[in-house]
Amino acid sequence: MGNKKSPWTTADMPDLHGRTAIVTGASAGLGLETALRLAGRGATVVLACRNPEKATAAAEVIRATVPDAELPLVRLDLSSLASVREAAAEVRERWERIDLLINNAGTLNRERGETADGFETTFATNHLGPFAFTGLVFDRLLAAERARVVTVSSASSGHGSTVLDLDDLGYEKRAYKGMRVYGQSKLANLMFTFELQRRLNGTAAELIALAAHPGAAHSDFVDNMSPFVRMLKHPAIDWATSWMLQSTEMGALPTLRAAVDPGARGGEFYGPAHGLRGYPELTEGTEQARDPELAGKLWVESERLTGVTYDFG
């Protein structure tokens, strides 16, 4: 029998001392687990969170395991372009380079709402905010050696009903269904990643862009999903359904692998080996996610909506 390759785990993470990572939405769930693991390998982890009190509490949780962890806080509300600009300005003032940006924060709304900028809330928070924040700290990423941008997508990006409609990104013309809108935003995350890597190709930049998805993870984010999915966490039946939702630790592994695996390459997409569960392996986005023409149009529209352009010079 041939040698079977061992699954990738946190034991495979390299030493990260001297590296600075930003994790958005690091105050709970998968973001907190990701920040904890990065700090455990010595990285300075910037907790970029909407709620400073929750971010402070998350830092305390991490220090209970990693007492000497360096965990600076930056307030970042991705649903607000003003907050995105303020947070990016603070990052630029405090750090000359950023080695790793993990666009983890996200939301799912069951009813349509609008941000202060007039955008549909889910799409604004999950795509437009990360697009703008990445662009506004882009020079700090380019200044680092072998920097990475990892954007967290979702298995829902590949669902058959998930379609990106550039003429109705705000779901004003179509019937609003929370999971479909969420799926569209997660598809946009993938298209952003692949298009960012296309634009980096052929430049002198060492920066690469990757994507990941956690599968079905047992985190607080599940509370935003459909009644059926939320039911899986109910204490009365949790014992019987736990096999459907993997742990937060397992759910964070695809993101961590994309972030630090020395063998990972730009444009790759990692997810659980068995779709919704399992150790992280390379996965494929949908044909639409990898459509360069559509991704290019989404990029131009994202620049127009956010007022943020990228300098690849």
C-alpha atoms as a PDB file:
ATOM      1  CA  MET A   1       0.000   0.000   0.000  1.00  0.00           C
ATOM      2  CA  GLY A   2       1.217   3.493  -0.744  1.00  0.00           C
ATOM      3  CA  ASN A   3       1.760   6.123   1.882  1.00  0.00           C
ATOM      4  CA  LYS A   4      -1.434   7.999   2.612  1.00  0.00           C
ATOM      5  CA  LYS A   5      -0.978  11.729   3.032  1.00  0.00           C
ATOM      6  CA  SER A   6      -1.837  12.959   6.525  1.00  0.00           C
ATOM      7  CA  PRO A   7      -4.601  15.576   6.815  1.00  0.00           C
ATOM      8  CA  TRP A   8      -3.542  19.197   7.291  1.00  0.00           C
ATOM      9  CA  THR A   9      -4.009  20.388  10.907  1.00  0.00           C
ATOM     10  CA  THR A  10      -2.831  23.238  13.121  1.00  0.00           C
ATOM     11  CA  ALA A  11       0.244  21.107  13.862  1.00  0.00           C
ATOM     12  CA  ASP A  12       1.348  21.937  10.302  1.00  0.00           C
ATOM     13  CA  MET A  13       1.292  25.699  10.904  1.00  0.00           C
ATOM     14  CA  PRO A  14       4.751  27.318  10.638  1.00  0.00           C
ATOM     15  CA  ASP A  15       6.283  29.741  13.126  1.00  0.00           C
ATOM     16  CA  LEU A  16       4.760  33.211  12.630  1.00  0.00           C
ATOM     17  CA  HIS A  17       6.890  35.369  14.941  1.00  0.00           C
ATOM     18  CA  GLY A  18       7.550  38.730  13.319  1.00  0.00           C
ATOM     19  CA  ARG A  19       4.439  38.498  11.140  1.00  0.00           C
ATOM     20  CA  THR A  20       1.434  40.803  11.463  1.00  0.00           C
ATOM     21  CA  ALA A  21      -2.026  39.496  10.640  1.00  0.00           C
ATOM     22  CA  ILE A  22      -5.392  41.269  10.536  1.00  0.00           C
ATOM     23  CA  VAL A  23      -8.475  39.149  11.191  1.00  0.00           C
ATOM     24  CA  THR A  24     -11.821  40.844  10.636  1.00  0.00           C
ATOM     25  CA  GLY A  25     -14.707  39.649  12.786  1.00  0.00           C
ATOM     26  CA  ALA A  26     -12.291  38.131  15.301  1.00  0.00           C
ATOM     27  CA  SER A  27     -14.512  38.593  18.352  1.00  0.00           C
ATOM     28  CA  ALA A  28     -16.351  35.259  18.114  1.00  0.00           C
ATOM     29  CA  GLY A  29     -16.795  31.999  16.242  1.00  0.00           C
ATOM     30  CA  LEU A  30     -14.483  31.161  13.362  1.00  0.00           C
ATOM     31  CA  GLY A  31     -12.747  34.539  13.501  1.00  0.00           C
ATOM     32  CA  LEU A  32     -11.840  34.089  17.157  1.00  0.00           C
ATOM     33  CA  GLU A  33     -10.580  30.554  16.525  1.00  0.00           C
ATOM     34  CA  THR A  34      -8.500  31.781  13.583  1.00  0.00           C
ATOM     35  CA  ALA A  35      -6.991  34.606  15.637  1.00  0.00           C
ATOM     36  CA  LEU A  36      -6.226  32.228  18.502  1.00  0.00           C
ATOM     37  CA  ARG A  37      -4.347  29.806  16.259  1.00  0.00           C
ATOM     38  CA  LEU A  38      -2.348  32.554  14.555  1.00  0.00           C
ATOM     39  CA  ALA A  39      -1.416  34.081  17.912  1.00  0.00           C
ATOM     40  CA  GLY A  40      -0.429  30.637  19.156  1.00  0.00           C
ATOM     41  CA  ARG A  41       2.213  30.506  16.421  1.00  0.00           C
ATOM     42  CA  GLY A  42       3.598  33.904  17.398  1.00  0.00           C
ATOM     43  CA  ALA A  43       1.898  36.303  14.999  1.00  0.00           C
ATOM     44  CA  THR A  44       0.811  39.753  16.064  1.00  0.00           C
ATOM     45  CA  VAL A  45      -2.920  39.518  15.412  1.00  0.00           C
ATOM     46  CA  VAL A  46      -4.924  42.682  14.858  1.00  0.00           C
ATOM     47  CA  LEU A  47      -8.493  42.074  15.995  1.00  0.00           C
ATOM     48  CA  ALA A  48     -10.547  44.173  13.559  1.00  0.00           C
ATOM     49  CA  CYS A  49     -14.049  44.115  15.004  1.00  0.00           C
ATOM     50  CA  ARG A  50     -17.232  46.149  15.006  1.00  0.00           C
ATOM     51  CA  ASN A  51     -17.723  45.953  18.781  1.00  0.00           C
ATOM     52  CA  PRO A  52     -14.685  47.045  20.859  1.00  0.00           C
ATOM     53  CA  GLU A  53     -16.053  45.449  24.048  1.00  0.00           C
ATOM     54  CA  LYS A  54     -16.426  42.063  22.362  1.00  0.00           C
ATOM     55  CA  ALA A  55     -12.976  42.435  20.817  1.00  0.00           C
ATOM     56  CA  THR A  56     -11.491  43.105  24.258  1.00  0.00           C
ATOM     57  CA  ALA A  57     -13.237  40.022  25.632  1.00  0.00           C
ATOM     58  CA  ALA A  58     -11.918  37.964  22.704  1.00  0.00           C
ATOM     59  CA  ALA A  59      -8.391  39.142  23.441  1.00  0.00           C
ATOM     60  CA  GLU A  60      -8.788  37.923  27.012  1.00  0.00           C
ATOM     61  CA  VAL A  61      -9.948  34.533  25.752  1.00  0.00           C
ATOM     62  CA  ILE A  62      -6.895  34.259  23.510  1.00  0.00           C
ATOM     63  CA  ARG A  63      -4.490  35.330  26.262  1.00  0.00           C
ATOM     64  CA  ALA A  64      -5.877  32.614  28.522  1.00  0.00           C
ATOM     65  CA  THR A  65      -4.234  30.192  26.094  1.00  0.00           C
ATOM     66  CA  VAL A  66      -1.448  32.413  24.717  1.00  0.00           C
ATOM     67  CA  PRO A  67      -0.451  34.700  27.637  1.00  0.00           C
ATOM     68  CA  ASP A  68       2.115  36.712  25.671  1.00  0.00           C
ATOM     69  CA  ALA A  69      -0.070  37.219  22.601  1.00  0.00           C
ATOM     70  CA  GLU A  70       0.134  40.627  20.897  1.00  0.00           C
ATOM     71  CA  LEU A  71      -3.471  41.538  20.088  1.00  0.00           C
ATOM     72  CA  PRO A  72      -3.966  45.170  19.067  1.00  0.00           C
ATOM     73  CA  LEU A  73      -7.561  46.220  18.427  1.00  0.00           C
ATOM     74  CA  VAL A  74      -8.991  48.203  15.528  1.00  0.00           C
ATOM     75  CA  ARG A  75     -12.655  49.143  15.323  1.00  0.00           C
ATOM     76  CA  LEU A  76     -14.040  48.114  11.938  1.00  0.00           C
ATOM     77  CA  ASP A  77     -17.681  48.071  10.866  1.00  0.00           C
ATOM     78  CA  LEU A  78     -17.685  46.670   7.348  1.00  0.00           C
ATOM     79  CA  SER A  79     -21.246  47.824   6.726  1.00  0.00           C
ATOM     80  CA  SER A  80     -20.061  51.452   6.878  1.00  0.00           C
ATOM     81  CA  LEU A  81     -17.642  52.883   4.313  1.00  0.00           C
ATOM     82  CA  ALA A  82     -16.807  55.674   6.748  1.00  0.00           C
ATOM     83  CA  SER A  83     -15.772  53.099   9.355  1.00  0.00           C
ATOM     84  CA  VAL A  84     -13.818  51.156   6.736  1.00  0.00           C
ATOM     85  CA  ARG A  85     -11.874  54.279   5.812  1.00  0.00           C
ATOM     86  CA  GLU A  86     -11.216  55.176   9.451  1.00  0.00           C
ATOM     87  CA  ALA A  87     -10.001  51.661  10.249  1.00  0.00           C
ATOM     88  CA  ALA A  88      -7.763  51.561   7.174  1.00  0.00           C
ATOM     89  CA  ALA A  89      -6.277  54.946   8.087  1.00  0.00           C
ATOM     90  CA  GLU A  90      -5.511  53.642  11.590  1.00  0.00           C
ATOM     91  CA  VAL A  91      -3.867  50.516  10.173  1.00  0.00           C
ATOM     92  CA  ARG A  92      -1.759  52.593   7.801  1.00  0.00           C
ATOM     93  CA  GLU A  93      -0.685  54.867  10.665  1.00  0.00           C
ATOM     94  CA  ARG A  94       0.271  52.021  13.022  1.00  0.00           C
ATOM     95  CA  TRP A  95       1.849  49.473  10.654  1.00  0.00           C
ATOM     96  CA  GLU A  96       4.229  49.877   7.721  1.00  0.00           C
ATOM     97  CA  ARG A  97       3.459  46.404   6.444  1.00  0.00           C
ATOM     98  CA  ILE A  98       0.757  43.775   6.832  1.00  0.00           C
ATOM     99  CA  ASP A  99       1.722  40.158   6.197  1.00  0.00           C
ATOM    100  CA  LEU A 100      -1.729  38.637   6.271  1.00  0.00           C
ATOM    101  CA  LEU A 101      -5.262  39.954   5.889  1.00  0.00           C
ATOM    102  CA  ILE A 102      -8.086  37.546   6.603  1.00  0.00           C
ATOM    103  CA  ASN A 103     -11.433  38.881   5.431  1.00  0.00           C
ATOM    104  CA  ASN A 104     -13.501  36.733   7.774  1.00  0.00           C
ATOM    105  CA  ALA A 105     -16.322  38.954   9.066  1.00  0.00           C
ATOM    106  CA  GLY A 106     -19.732  38.468   7.527  1.00  0.00           C
ATOM    107  CA  THR A 107     -23.446  38.710   8.115  1.00  0.00           C
ATOM    108  CA  LEU A 108     -26.716  37.172   6.967  1.00  0.00           C
ATOM    109  CA  ASN A 109     -30.008  39.013   7.185  1.00  0.00           C
ATOM    110  CA  ARG A 110     -33.358  37.324   6.794  1.00  0.00           C
ATOM    111  CA  GLU A 111     -35.046  40.613   5.864  1.00  0.00           C
ATOM    112  CA  ARG A 112     -33.790  43.318   3.534  1.00  0.00           C
ATOM    113  CA  GLY A 113     -32.105  46.320   5.119  1.00  0.00           C
ATOM    114  CA  GLU A 114     -29.885  49.144   3.933  1.00  0.00           C
ATOM    115  CA  THR A 115     -26.656  50.585   5.280  1.00  0.00           C
ATOM    116  CA  ALA A 116     -26.028  54.263   5.899  1.00  0.00           C
ATOM    117  CA  ASP A 117     -24.438  54.327   2.433  1.00  0.00           C
ATOM    118  CA  GLY A 118     -27.670  53.061   0.858  1.00  0.00           C
ATOM    119  CA  PHE A 119     -26.472  49.522   0.044  1.00  0.00           C
ATOM    120  CA  GLU A 120     -28.235  46.250   0.838  1.00  0.00           C
ATOM    121  CA  THR A 121     -26.771  45.214   4.197  1.00  0.00           C
ATOM    122  CA  THR A 122     -25.590  41.649   3.510  1.00  0.00           C
ATOM    123  CA  PHE A 123     -23.861  42.449   0.216  1.00  0.00           C
ATOM    124  CA  ALA A 124     -22.341  45.632   1.629  1.00  0.00           C
ATOM    125  CA  THR A 125     -20.936  43.901   4.717  1.00  0.00           C
ATOM    126  CA  ASN A 126     -19.755  40.713   3.050  1.00  0.00           C
ATOM    127  CA  HIS A 127     -18.354  42.065  -0.207  1.00  0.00           C
ATOM    128  CA  LEU A 128     -18.200  45.835  -0.569  1.00  0.00           C
ATOM    129  CA  GLY A 129     -16.689  46.408   2.890  1.00  0.00           C
ATOM    130  CA  PRO A 130     -13.892  43.832   2.493  1.00  0.00           C
ATOM    131  CA  PHE A 131     -13.243  44.991  -1.079  1.00  0.00           C
ATOM    132  CA  ALA A 132     -12.804  48.573   0.129  1.00  0.00           C
ATOM    133  CA  PHE A 133     -10.767  47.705   3.233  1.00  0.00           C
ATOM    134  CA  THR A 134      -8.375  45.488   1.263  1.00  0.00           C
ATOM    135  CA  GLY A 135      -7.884  48.217  -1.317  1.00  0.00           C
ATOM    136  CA  LEU A 136      -7.264  50.890   1.311  1.00  0.00           C
ATOM    137  CA  VAL A 137      -4.486  48.875   3.012  1.00  0.00           C
ATOM    138  CA  PHE A 138      -3.199  47.396  -0.243  1.00  0.00           C
ATOM    139  CA  ASP A 139       0.140  49.188  -0.172  1.00  0.00           C
ATOM    140  CA  ARG A 140       0.824  47.792   3.311  1.00  0.00           C
ATOM    141  CA  LEU A 141       0.230  44.285   1.952  1.00  0.00           C
ATOM    142  CA  LEU A 142       2.491  44.924  -1.029  1.00  0.00           C
ATOM    143  CA  ALA A 143       5.212  46.140   1.361  1.00  0.00           C
ATOM    144  CA  ALA A 144       5.423  42.758   3.117  1.00  0.00           C
ATOM    145  CA  GLU A 145       7.314  39.698   1.903  1.00  0.00           C
ATOM    146  CA  ARG A 146       5.042  36.879   0.709  1.00  0.00           C
ATOM    147  CA  ALA A 147       1.885  38.543   2.041  1.00  0.00           C
ATOM    148  CA  ARG A 148      -1.534  36.974   1.596  1.00  0.00           C
ATOM    149  CA  VAL A 149      -5.151  38.076   1.417  1.00  0.00           C
ATOM    150  CA  VAL A 150      -7.523  35.288   2.427  1.00  0.00           C
ATOM    151  CA  THR A 151     -11.242  35.880   1.956  1.00  0.00           C
ATOM    152  CA  VAL A 152     -13.716  33.564   3.639  1.00  0.00           C
ATOM    153  CA  SER A 153     -16.497  32.427   1.322  1.00  0.00           C
ATOM    154  CA  SER A 154     -19.132  29.749   1.900  1.00  0.00           C
ATOM    155  CA  ALA A 155     -20.330  26.461   0.493  1.00  0.00           C
ATOM    156  CA  SER A 156     -23.503  28.389  -0.408  1.00  0.00           C
ATOM    157  CA  SER A 157     -21.511  30.187  -3.129  1.00  0.00           C
ATOM    158  CA  GLY A 158     -21.813  27.027  -5.196  1.00  0.00           C
ATOM    159  CA  HIS A 159     -25.510  26.374  -4.614  1.00  0.00           C
ATOM    160  CA  GLY A 160     -27.507  25.989  -7.785  1.00  0.00           C
ATOM    161  CA  SER A 161     -29.755  28.952  -6.972  1.00  0.00           C
ATOM    162  CA  THR A 162     -26.804  31.302  -6.350  1.00  0.00           C
ATOM    163  CA  VAL A 163     -26.450  33.740  -9.226  1.00  0.00           C
ATOM    164  CA  LEU A 164     -24.677  37.078  -9.324  1.00  0.00           C
ATOM    165  CA  ASP A 165     -26.861  39.676 -11.035  1.00  0.00           C
ATOM    166  CA  LEU A 166     -24.845  42.835 -11.677  1.00  0.00           C
ATOM    167  CA  ASP A 167     -28.056  44.697 -12.479  1.00  0.00           C
ATOM    168  CA  ASP A 168     -29.568  43.880  -9.075  1.00  0.00           C
ATOM    169  CA  LEU A 169     -26.763  43.491  -6.513  1.00  0.00           C
ATOM    170  CA  GLY A 170     -29.007  45.072  -3.891  1.00  0.00           C
ATOM    171  CA  TYR A 171     -31.902  42.657  -4.451  1.00  0.00           C
ATOM    172  CA  GLU A 172     -34.363  45.449  -5.183  1.00  0.00           C
ATOM    173  CA  LYS A 173     -35.902  43.781  -8.239  1.00  0.00           C
ATOM    174  CA  ARG A 174     -35.966  40.174  -7.035  1.00  0.00           C
ATOM    175  CA  ALA A 175     -37.809  38.647  -4.095  1.00  0.00           C
ATOM    176  CA  TYR A 176     -35.571  38.961  -1.053  1.00  0.00           C
ATOM    177  CA  LYS A 177     -34.509  35.607   0.381  1.00  0.00           C
ATOM    178  CA  GLY A 178     -31.829  35.833   3.028  1.00  0.00           C
ATOM    179  CA  MET A 179     -29.874  32.705   2.121  1.00  0.00           C
ATOM    180  CA  ARG A 180     -29.856  33.559  -1.590  1.00  0.00           C
ATOM    181  CA  VAL A 181     -28.598  37.066  -0.891  1.00  0.00           C
ATOM    182  CA  TYR A 182     -25.956  35.621   1.413  1.00  0.00           C
ATOM    183  CA  GLY A 183     -24.962  33.122  -1.276  1.00  0.00           C
ATOM    184  CA  GLN A 184     -24.600  35.946  -3.810  1.00  0.00           C
ATOM    185  CA  SER A 185     -22.309  37.857  -1.439  1.00  0.00           C
ATOM    186  CA  LYS A 186     -20.193  34.750  -0.841  1.00  0.00           C
ATOM    187  CA  LEU A 187     -19.990  34.145  -4.592  1.00  0.00           C
ATOM    188  CA  ALA A 188     -18.769  37.736  -4.891  1.00  0.00           C
ATOM    189  CA  ASN A 189     -16.078  36.939  -2.296  1.00  0.00           C
ATOM    190  CA  LEU A 190     -14.795  34.146  -4.529  1.00  0.00           C
ATOM    191  CA  MET A 191     -14.919  36.270  -7.664  1.00  0.00           C
ATOM    192  CA  PHE A 192     -13.039  39.025  -5.837  1.00  0.00           C
ATOM    193  CA  THR A 193     -10.315  36.568  -4.809  1.00  0.00           C
ATOM    194  CA  PHE A 194      -9.838  35.093  -8.268  1.00  0.00           C
ATOM    195  CA  GLU A 195      -9.894  38.515  -9.950  1.00  0.00           C
ATOM    196  CA  LEU A 196      -7.447  39.974  -7.425  1.00  0.00           C
ATOM    197  CA  GLN A 197      -5.039  37.130  -8.191  1.00  0.00           C
ATOM    198  CA  ARG A 198      -5.468  37.669 -11.951  1.00  0.00           C
ATOM    199  CA  ARG A 199      -4.527  41.316 -11.509  1.00  0.00           C
ATOM    200  CA  LEU A 200      -1.530  40.408  -9.353  1.00  0.00           C
ATOM    201  CA  ASN A 201      -0.273  37.925 -11.938  1.00  0.00           C
ATOM    202  CA  GLY A 202       2.468  39.422 -14.054  1.00  0.00           C
ATOM    203  CA  THR A 203       3.339  42.118 -11.536  1.00  0.00           C
ATOM    204  CA  ALA A 204       6.393  42.177  -9.278  1.00  0.00           C
ATOM    205  CA  ALA A 205       4.206  41.745  -6.201  1.00  0.00           C
ATOM    206  CA  GLU A 206       4.796  38.780  -3.882  1.00  0.00           C
ATOM    207  CA  LEU A 207       1.252  39.197  -2.537  1.00  0.00           C
ATOM    208  CA  ILE A 208      -1.181  36.374  -3.327  1.00  0.00           C
ATOM    209  CA  ALA A 209      -4.945  36.030  -2.887  1.00  0.00           C
ATOM    210  CA  LEU A 210      -6.704  32.874  -1.703  1.00  0.00           C
ATOM    211  CA  ALA A 211     -10.178  31.879  -0.532  1.00  0.00           C
ATOM    212  CA  ALA A 212     -11.571  29.385   1.955  1.00  0.00           C
ATOM    213  CA  HIS A 213     -14.882  28.133   3.255  1.00  0.00           C
ATOM    214  CA  PRO A 214     -15.581  26.435   6.606  1.00  0.00           C
ATOM    215  CA  GLY A 215     -18.242  23.975   5.544  1.00  0.00           C
ATOM    216  CA  ALA A 216     -20.968  23.505   8.152  1.00  0.00           C
ATOM    217  CA  ALA A 217     -19.376  24.701  11.387  1.00  0.00           C
ATOM    218  CA  HIS A 218     -20.907  24.789  14.868  1.00  0.00           C
ATOM    219  CA  SER A 219     -20.533  28.551  15.447  1.00  0.00           C
ATOM    220  CA  ASP A 220     -22.755  31.447  16.484  1.00  0.00           C
ATOM    221  CA  PHE A 221     -23.134  32.426  12.821  1.00  0.00           C
ATOM    222  CA  VAL A 222     -25.508  29.488  12.379  1.00  0.00           C
ATOM    223  CA  ASP A 223     -28.028  31.457  14.457  1.00  0.00           C
ATOM    224  CA  ASN A 224     -28.541  33.772  11.460  1.00  0.00           C
ATOM    225  CA  MET A 225     -29.487  30.977   9.087  1.00  0.00           C
ATOM    226  CA  SER A 226     -32.720  29.168   8.319  1.00  0.00           C
ATOM    227  CA  PRO A 227     -34.919  27.757  11.090  1.00  0.00           C
ATOM    228  CA  PHE A 228     -33.879  24.240  10.047  1.00  0.00           C
ATOM    229  CA  VAL A 229     -30.164  24.966  10.354  1.00  0.00           C
ATOM    230  CA  ARG A 230     -30.650  26.792  13.659  1.00  0.00           C
ATOM    231  CA  MET A 231     -32.622  23.815  14.934  1.00  0.00           C
ATOM    232  CA  LEU A 232     -29.516  21.627  14.556  1.00  0.00           C
ATOM    233  CA  LYS A 233     -27.952  23.467  17.509  1.00  0.00           C
ATOM    234  CA  HIS A 234     -30.935  23.039  19.824  1.00  0.00           C
ATOM    235  CA  PRO A 235     -29.801  21.278  23.027  1.00  0.00           C
ATOM    236  CA  ALA A 236     -32.654  18.783  22.783  1.00  0.00           C
ATOM    237  CA  ILE A 237     -31.384  17.327  19.512  1.00  0.00           C
ATOM    238  CA  ASP A 238     -27.773  18.521  19.409  1.00  0.00           C
ATOM    239  CA  TRP A 239     -26.568  15.049  20.373  1.00  0.00           C
ATOM    240  CA  ALA A 240     -28.241  13.590  17.296  1.00  0.00           C
ATOM    241  CA  THR A 241     -27.250  16.273  14.778  1.00  0.00           C
ATOM    242  CA  SER A 242     -23.697  17.069  15.876  1.00  0.00           C
ATOM    243  CA  TRP A 243     -22.403  14.927  12.997  1.00  0.00           C
ATOM    244  CA  MET A 244     -23.852  17.495  10.570  1.00  0.00           C
ATOM    245  CA  LEU A 245     -21.997  20.464  12.062  1.00  0.00           C
ATOM    246  CA  GLN A 246     -18.265  20.195  12.574  1.00  0.00           C
ATOM    247  CA  SER A 247     -16.487  22.038  15.369  1.00  0.00           C
ATOM    248  CA  THR A 248     -15.312  25.625  15.178  1.00  0.00           C
ATOM    249  CA  GLU A 249     -11.752  24.305  15.344  1.00  0.00           C
ATOM    250  CA  MET A 250     -12.337  22.203  12.230  1.00  0.00           C
ATOM    251  CA  GLY A 251     -14.245  24.990  10.497  1.00  0.00           C
ATOM    252  CA  ALA A 252     -11.286  27.364  10.850  1.00  0.00           C
ATOM    253  CA  LEU A 253      -8.778  24.948   9.311  1.00  0.00           C
ATOM    254  CA  PRO A 254      -9.438  25.823   5.625  1.00  0.00           C
ATOM    255  CA  THR A 255      -8.851  29.516   6.370  1.00  0.00           C
ATOM    256  CA  LEU A 256      -5.710  28.749   8.337  1.00  0.00           C
ATOM    257  CA  ARG A 257      -4.350  26.525   5.607  1.00  0.00           C
ATOM    258  CA  ALA A 258      -4.952  29.187   2.970  1.00  0.00           C
ATOM    259  CA  ALA A 259      -3.295  31.715   5.269  1.00  0.00           C
ATOM    260  CA  VAL A 260      -0.099  29.921   6.261  1.00  0.00           C
ATOM    261  CA  ASP A 261       0.505  26.679   4.349  1.00  0.00           C
ATOM    262  CA  PRO A 262       3.842  27.248   2.549  1.00  0.00           C
ATOM    263  CA  GLY A 263       2.595  25.076  -0.305  1.00  0.00           C
ATOM    264  CA  ALA A 264      -0.530  27.151  -0.981  1.00  0.00           C
ATOM    265  CA  ARG A 265      -0.596  29.179  -4.184  1.00  0.00           C
ATOM    266  CA  GLY A 266      -2.409  32.296  -5.325  1.00  0.00           C
ATOM    267  CA  GLY A 267      -5.925  31.733  -6.630  1.00  0.00           C
ATOM    268  CA  GLU A 268      -6.477  28.558  -4.623  1.00  0.00           C
ATOM    269  CA  PHE A 269      -9.690  27.812  -2.742  1.00  0.00           C
ATOM    270  CA  TYR A 270      -9.720  25.565   0.344  1.00  0.00           C
ATOM    271  CA  GLY A 271     -12.642  23.846   2.018  1.00  0.00           C
ATOM    272  CA  PRO A 272     -13.488  20.673   3.958  1.00  0.00           C
ATOM    273  CA  ALA A 273     -12.523  17.508   2.085  1.00  0.00           C
ATOM    274  CA  HIS A 274     -16.081  16.160   2.159  1.00  0.00           C
ATOM    275  CA  GLY A 275     -17.888  19.349   1.228  1.00  0.00           C
ATOM    276  CA  LEU A 276     -19.340  20.408   4.577  1.00  0.00           C
ATOM    277  CA  ARG A 277     -17.062  18.394   6.864  1.00  0.00           C
ATOM    278  CA  GLY A 278     -13.490  17.198   6.965  1.00  0.00           C
ATOM    279  CA  TYR A 279      -9.925  18.400   6.911  1.00  0.00           C
ATOM    280  CA  PRO A 280      -9.027  21.193   4.465  1.00  0.00           C
ATOM    281  CA  GLU A 281      -8.301  20.356   0.859  1.00  0.00           C
ATOM    282  CA  LEU A 282      -8.283  22.232  -2.428  1.00  0.00           C
ATOM    283  CA  THR A 283     -11.753  22.746  -3.836  1.00  0.00           C
ATOM    284  CA  GLU A 284     -13.186  24.298  -6.979  1.00  0.00           C
ATOM    285  CA  GLY A 285     -15.423  27.303  -7.306  1.00  0.00           C
ATOM    286  CA  THR A 286     -18.331  27.254  -9.722  1.00  0.00           C
ATOM    287  CA  GLU A 287     -17.984  28.112 -13.387  1.00  0.00           C
ATOM    288  CA  GLN A 288     -19.544  31.496 -12.652  1.00  0.00           C
ATOM    289  CA  ALA A 289     -17.084  32.151  -9.793  1.00  0.00           C
ATOM    290  CA  ARG A 290     -14.193  31.637 -12.208  1.00  0.00           C
ATOM    291  CA  ASP A 291     -15.689  33.668 -15.069  1.00  0.00           C
ATOM    292  CA  PRO A 292     -13.068  36.389 -15.699  1.00  0.00           C
ATOM    293  CA  GLU A 293     -15.407  38.607 -17.701  1.00  0.00           C
ATOM    294  CA  LEU A 294     -18.087  38.683 -15.006  1.00  0.00           C
ATOM    295  CA  ALA A 295     -15.479  39.106 -12.268  1.00  0.00           C
ATOM    296  CA  GLY A 296     -13.953  42.027 -14.123  1.00  0.00           C
ATOM    297  CA  LYS A 297     -17.346  43.717 -14.331  1.00  0.00           C
ATOM    298  CA  LEU A 298     -17.965  43.080 -10.611  1.00  0.00           C
ATOM    299  CA  TRP A 299     -14.570  44.627  -9.833  1.00  0.00           C
ATOM    300  CA  VAL A 300     -15.353  47.784 -11.805  1.00  0.00           C
ATOM    301  CA  GLU A 301     -18.781  48.050 -10.174  1.00  0.00           C
ATOM    302  CA  SER A 302     -17.261  47.536  -6.718  1.00  0.00           C
ATOM    303  CA  GLU A 303     -14.800  50.358  -7.389  1.00  0.00           C
ATOM    304  CA  ARG A 304     -17.657  52.594  -8.478  1.00  0.00           C
ATOM    305  CA  LEU A 305     -19.830  51.818  -5.448  1.00  0.00           C
ATOM    306  CA  THR A 306     -17.064  52.132  -2.849  1.00  0.00           C
ATOM    307  CA  GLY A 307     -14.917  54.821  -4.449  1.00  0.00           C
ATOM    308  CA  VAL A 308     -11.845  52.634  -3.778  1.00  0.00           C
ATOM    309  CA  THR A 309      -9.353  51.731  -6.507  1.00  0.00           C
ATOM    310  CA  TYR A 310      -6.337  49.439  -6.269  1.00  0.00           C
ATOM    311  CA  ASP A 311      -2.822  50.507  -7.255  1.00  0.00           C
ATOM    312  CA  PHE A 312      -0.926  47.511  -8.661  1.00  0.00           C
ATOM    313  CA  GLY A 313       2.024  49.651  -9.688  1.00  0.00           C
END
